């Protein structure tokens, strides 16, 4: 019986749990920064996304990891007329972050479901390892 092979499934699920946890952290950051109109450089906050990649070799082979965190350049910034706002331009327009909280909440629910599914897969793998060890006695 190959012990390393028995625990490979756990390693794959654990990598997915770490990746989803990172994704949920970015979503929380996006929601918390949804009204930041100046990040210190005069530009509004930009939504961030995690880019996942498959791990093809090494200890995590078959797993997933966050390859990079990118700013969402595709979604346009929102412009609103707020003449009294500190970051309003000469015409009274303020550029707001490209964060849609409803979309972020849907993304958070999807990430939470993926996390739960990987946790369940991990628990199932543990039960199978326990049964295999019982049979090996």
C-alpha atoms as a PDB file:
ATOM      1  CA  UNK A   1       0.000   0.000   0.000  1.00  0.00           C
ATOM      2  CA  UNK A   2       1.448   3.378  -1.058  1.00  0.00           C
ATOM      3  CA  UNK A   3       0.961   5.834   1.810  1.00  0.00           C
ATOM      4  CA  UNK A   4       1.829   8.856  -0.351  1.00  0.00           C
ATOM      5  CA  UNK A   5      -0.832   7.896  -2.877  1.00  0.00           C
ATOM      6  CA  UNK A   6      -3.418   7.585  -0.120  1.00  0.00           C
ATOM      7  CA  UNK A   7      -2.864  11.174   0.935  1.00  0.00           C
ATOM      8  CA  UNK A   8      -2.568  12.740  -2.544  1.00  0.00           C
ATOM      9  CA  UNK A   9      -6.289  13.512  -2.587  1.00  0.00           C
ATOM     10  CA  UNK A  10      -5.947  15.359   0.701  1.00  0.00           C
ATOM     11  CA  UNK A  11      -3.137  17.467  -0.734  1.00  0.00           C
ATOM     12  CA  UNK A  12      -5.203  18.386  -3.790  1.00  0.00           C
ATOM     13  CA  UNK A  13      -8.227  19.367  -1.700  1.00  0.00           C
ATOM     14  CA  UNK A  14      -6.044  21.300   0.755  1.00  0.00           C
ATOM     15  CA  UNK A  15      -4.573  23.331  -2.110  1.00  0.00           C
ATOM     16  CA  UNK A  16      -8.086  24.162  -3.315  1.00  0.00           C
ATOM     17  CA  UNK A  17      -9.073  25.229   0.210  1.00  0.00           C
ATOM     18  CA  UNK A  18      -6.093  27.595   0.367  1.00  0.00           C
ATOM     19  CA  UNK A  19      -6.907  29.041  -3.070  1.00  0.00           C
ATOM     20  CA  UNK A  20     -10.578  29.608  -2.235  1.00  0.00           C
ATOM     21  CA  UNK A  21      -9.641  31.176   1.105  1.00  0.00           C
ATOM     22  CA  UNK A  22      -7.402  33.641  -0.771  1.00  0.00           C
ATOM     23  CA  UNK A  23     -10.228  34.362  -3.214  1.00  0.00           C
ATOM     24  CA  UNK A  24     -12.644  35.040  -0.349  1.00  0.00           C
ATOM     25  CA  UNK A  25     -10.110  37.407   1.194  1.00  0.00           C
ATOM     26  CA  UNK A  26      -9.933  39.393  -2.038  1.00  0.00           C
ATOM     27  CA  UNK A  27     -13.720  39.538  -2.243  1.00  0.00           C
ATOM     28  CA  UNK A  28     -13.875  40.874   1.321  1.00  0.00           C
ATOM     29  CA  UNK A  29     -11.243  43.460   0.408  1.00  0.00           C
ATOM     30  CA  UNK A  30     -13.232  44.488  -2.672  1.00  0.00           C
ATOM     31  CA  UNK A  31     -16.393  44.959  -0.619  1.00  0.00           C
ATOM     32  CA  UNK A  32     -14.588  46.936   2.079  1.00  0.00           C
ATOM     33  CA  UNK A  33     -12.996  49.238  -0.526  1.00  0.00           C
ATOM     34  CA  UNK A  34     -16.159  49.748  -2.600  1.00  0.00           C
ATOM     35  CA  UNK A  35     -16.361  53.454  -1.749  1.00  0.00           C
ATOM     36  CA  UNK A  36     -12.651  54.381  -1.759  1.00  0.00           C
ATOM     37  CA  UNK A  37     -12.269  57.136  -4.339  1.00  0.00           C
ATOM     38  CA  UNK A  38      -8.584  57.854  -3.670  1.00  0.00           C
ATOM     39  CA  UNK A  39      -6.027  55.134  -2.897  1.00  0.00           C
ATOM     40  CA  UNK A  40      -3.396  57.746  -2.190  1.00  0.00           C
ATOM     41  CA  UNK A  41      -2.359  58.280  -5.793  1.00  0.00           C
ATOM     42  CA  UNK A  42      -5.503  60.136  -6.880  1.00  0.00           C
ATOM     43  CA  UNK A  43      -7.160  57.088  -8.457  1.00  0.00           C
ATOM     44  CA  UNK A  44     -10.108  55.096  -7.103  1.00  0.00           C
ATOM     45  CA  UNK A  45      -9.776  51.530  -5.842  1.00  0.00           C
ATOM     46  CA  UNK A  46      -9.901  48.863  -8.559  1.00  0.00           C
ATOM     47  CA  UNK A  47     -11.548  45.505  -8.019  1.00  0.00           C
ATOM     48  CA  UNK A  48      -9.062  42.653  -7.543  1.00  0.00           C
ATOM     49  CA  UNK A  49      -9.399  39.057  -8.713  1.00  0.00           C
ATOM     50  CA  UNK A  50      -7.421  35.895  -8.015  1.00  0.00           C
ATOM     51  CA  UNK A  51      -6.104  33.988 -11.022  1.00  0.00           C
ATOM     52  CA  UNK A  52      -5.882  30.254 -10.331  1.00  0.00           C
ATOM     53  CA  UNK A  53      -3.505  27.835 -12.025  1.00  0.00           C
ATOM     54  CA  UNK A  54      -3.099  24.076 -11.936  1.00  0.00           C
ATOM     55  CA  UNK A  55      -0.019  22.673 -10.272  1.00  0.00           C
ATOM     56  CA  UNK A  56       1.426  20.011 -12.544  1.00  0.00           C
ATOM     57  CA  UNK A  57       4.507  18.875 -10.637  1.00  0.00           C
ATOM     58  CA  UNK A  58       6.025  18.807  -7.169  1.00  0.00           C
ATOM     59  CA  UNK A  59       4.374  18.050  -3.869  1.00  0.00           C
ATOM     60  CA  UNK A  60       1.083  19.698  -4.894  1.00  0.00           C
ATOM     61  CA  UNK A  61       0.806  17.967  -8.295  1.00  0.00           C
ATOM     62  CA  UNK A  62      -2.830  17.898  -9.339  1.00  0.00           C
ATOM     63  CA  UNK A  63      -3.695  20.791  -7.048  1.00  0.00           C
ATOM     64  CA  UNK A  64      -4.413  24.439  -7.626  1.00  0.00           C
ATOM     65  CA  UNK A  65      -2.834  27.658  -6.462  1.00  0.00           C
ATOM     66  CA  UNK A  66      -3.279  31.390  -6.836  1.00  0.00           C
ATOM     67  CA  UNK A  67      -0.932  32.352  -9.656  1.00  0.00           C
ATOM     68  CA  UNK A  68      -1.439  36.081  -9.263  1.00  0.00           C
ATOM     69  CA  UNK A  69      -3.788  38.790  -8.105  1.00  0.00           C
ATOM     70  CA  UNK A  70      -4.859  41.140 -10.875  1.00  0.00           C
ATOM     71  CA  UNK A  71      -6.823  44.353 -10.976  1.00  0.00           C
ATOM     72  CA  UNK A  72     -10.026  44.262 -13.012  1.00  0.00           C
ATOM     73  CA  UNK A  73      -9.346  46.506 -15.998  1.00  0.00           C
ATOM     74  CA  UNK A  74     -12.378  45.339 -18.007  1.00  0.00           C
ATOM     75  CA  UNK A  75     -15.150  46.627 -15.727  1.00  0.00           C
ATOM     76  CA  UNK A  76     -15.536  50.382 -16.118  1.00  0.00           C
ATOM     77  CA  UNK A  77     -15.360  52.774 -13.205  1.00  0.00           C
ATOM     78  CA  UNK A  78     -18.621  54.413 -12.138  1.00  0.00           C
ATOM     79  CA  UNK A  79     -18.977  58.181 -12.522  1.00  0.00           C
ATOM     80  CA  UNK A  80     -21.477  60.019 -10.321  1.00  0.00           C
ATOM     81  CA  UNK A  81     -22.398  63.643  -9.906  1.00  0.00           C
ATOM     82  CA  UNK A  82     -21.422  64.611  -6.338  1.00  0.00           C
ATOM     83  CA  UNK A  83     -20.353  68.258  -6.360  1.00  0.00           C
ATOM     84  CA  UNK A  84     -19.597  68.420  -2.606  1.00  0.00           C
ATOM     85  CA  UNK A  85     -17.348  65.337  -2.575  1.00  0.00           C
ATOM     86  CA  UNK A  86     -13.664  65.864  -1.766  1.00  0.00           C
ATOM     87  CA  UNK A  87     -12.580  63.949  -4.894  1.00  0.00           C
ATOM     88  CA  UNK A  88     -15.016  65.608  -7.306  1.00  0.00           C
ATOM     89  CA  UNK A  89     -13.546  67.135 -10.449  1.00  0.00           C
ATOM     90  CA  UNK A  90     -14.331  70.633 -11.743  1.00  0.00           C
ATOM     91  CA  UNK A  91     -17.685  69.460 -13.138  1.00  0.00           C
ATOM     92  CA  UNK A  92     -18.695  67.815  -9.827  1.00  0.00           C
ATOM     93  CA  UNK A  93     -18.183  64.260 -11.096  1.00  0.00           C
ATOM     94  CA  UNK A  94     -16.570  61.634  -8.855  1.00  0.00           C
ATOM     95  CA  UNK A  95     -15.032  58.425 -10.190  1.00  0.00           C
ATOM     96  CA  UNK A  96     -16.058  55.527  -7.966  1.00  0.00           C
ATOM     97  CA  UNK A  97     -14.480  52.057  -7.785  1.00  0.00           C
ATOM     98  CA  UNK A  98     -15.566  49.366 -10.248  1.00  0.00           C
ATOM     99  CA  UNK A  99     -16.847  47.203  -7.380  1.00  0.00           C
ATOM    100  CA  UNK A 100     -20.410  45.912  -7.612  1.00  0.00           C
ATOM    101  CA  UNK A 101     -21.287  44.601  -4.147  1.00  0.00           C
ATOM    102  CA  UNK A 102     -24.113  42.395  -5.451  1.00  0.00           C
ATOM    103  CA  UNK A 103     -21.689  40.717  -7.866  1.00  0.00           C
ATOM    104  CA  UNK A 104     -19.126  40.361  -5.079  1.00  0.00           C
ATOM    105  CA  UNK A 105     -21.683  38.641  -2.856  1.00  0.00           C
ATOM    106  CA  UNK A 106     -22.575  36.178  -5.615  1.00  0.00           C
ATOM    107  CA  UNK A 107     -18.860  35.545  -6.173  1.00  0.00           C
ATOM    108  CA  UNK A 108     -18.445  35.028  -2.411  1.00  0.00           C
ATOM    109  CA  UNK A 109     -21.278  32.477  -2.337  1.00  0.00           C
ATOM    110  CA  UNK A 110     -19.718  30.612  -5.277  1.00  0.00           C
ATOM    111  CA  UNK A 111     -16.344  30.575  -3.548  1.00  0.00           C
ATOM    112  CA  UNK A 112     -17.914  29.392  -0.288  1.00  0.00           C
ATOM    113  CA  UNK A 113     -19.650  26.518  -2.124  1.00  0.00           C
ATOM    114  CA  UNK A 114     -16.376  25.495  -3.764  1.00  0.00           C
ATOM    115  CA  UNK A 115     -14.691  25.609  -0.347  1.00  0.00           C
ATOM    116  CA  UNK A 116     -17.432  23.425   1.154  1.00  0.00           C
ATOM    117  CA  UNK A 117     -17.196  20.931  -1.714  1.00  0.00           C
ATOM    118  CA  UNK A 118     -13.437  20.601  -1.266  1.00  0.00           C
ATOM    119  CA  UNK A 119     -13.836  20.239   2.481  1.00  0.00           C
ATOM    120  CA  UNK A 120     -16.354  17.445   1.945  1.00  0.00           C
ATOM    121  CA  UNK A 121     -14.007  15.742  -0.544  1.00  0.00           C
ATOM    122  CA  UNK A 122     -11.239  15.966   2.038  1.00  0.00           C
ATOM    123  CA  UNK A 123     -13.443  14.432   4.729  1.00  0.00           C
ATOM    124  CA  UNK A 124     -14.481  11.632   2.355  1.00  0.00           C
ATOM    125  CA  UNK A 125     -10.816  10.916   1.559  1.00  0.00           C
ATOM    126  CA  UNK A 126     -10.056  10.729   5.302  1.00  0.00           C
ATOM    127  CA  UNK A 127     -12.886   8.222   5.790  1.00  0.00           C
ATOM    128  CA  UNK A 128     -11.529   6.125   2.908  1.00  0.00           C
ATOM    129  CA  UNK A 129      -8.008   6.174   4.386  1.00  0.00           C
ATOM    130  CA  UNK A 130      -9.399   5.132   7.769  1.00  0.00           C
ATOM    131  CA  UNK A 131     -11.280   2.214   6.169  1.00  0.00           C
ATOM    132  CA  UNK A 132      -8.172   1.162   4.237  1.00  0.00           C
ATOM    133  CA  UNK A 133      -6.132   1.169   7.444  1.00  0.00           C
ATOM    134  CA  UNK A 134      -8.828  -0.877   9.208  1.00  0.00           C
ATOM    135  CA  UNK A 135      -8.717  -3.454   6.415  1.00  0.00           C
ATOM    136  CA  UNK A 136      -4.935  -3.578   6.606  1.00  0.00           C
ATOM    137  CA  UNK A 137      -4.921  -4.688  10.245  1.00  0.00           C
END
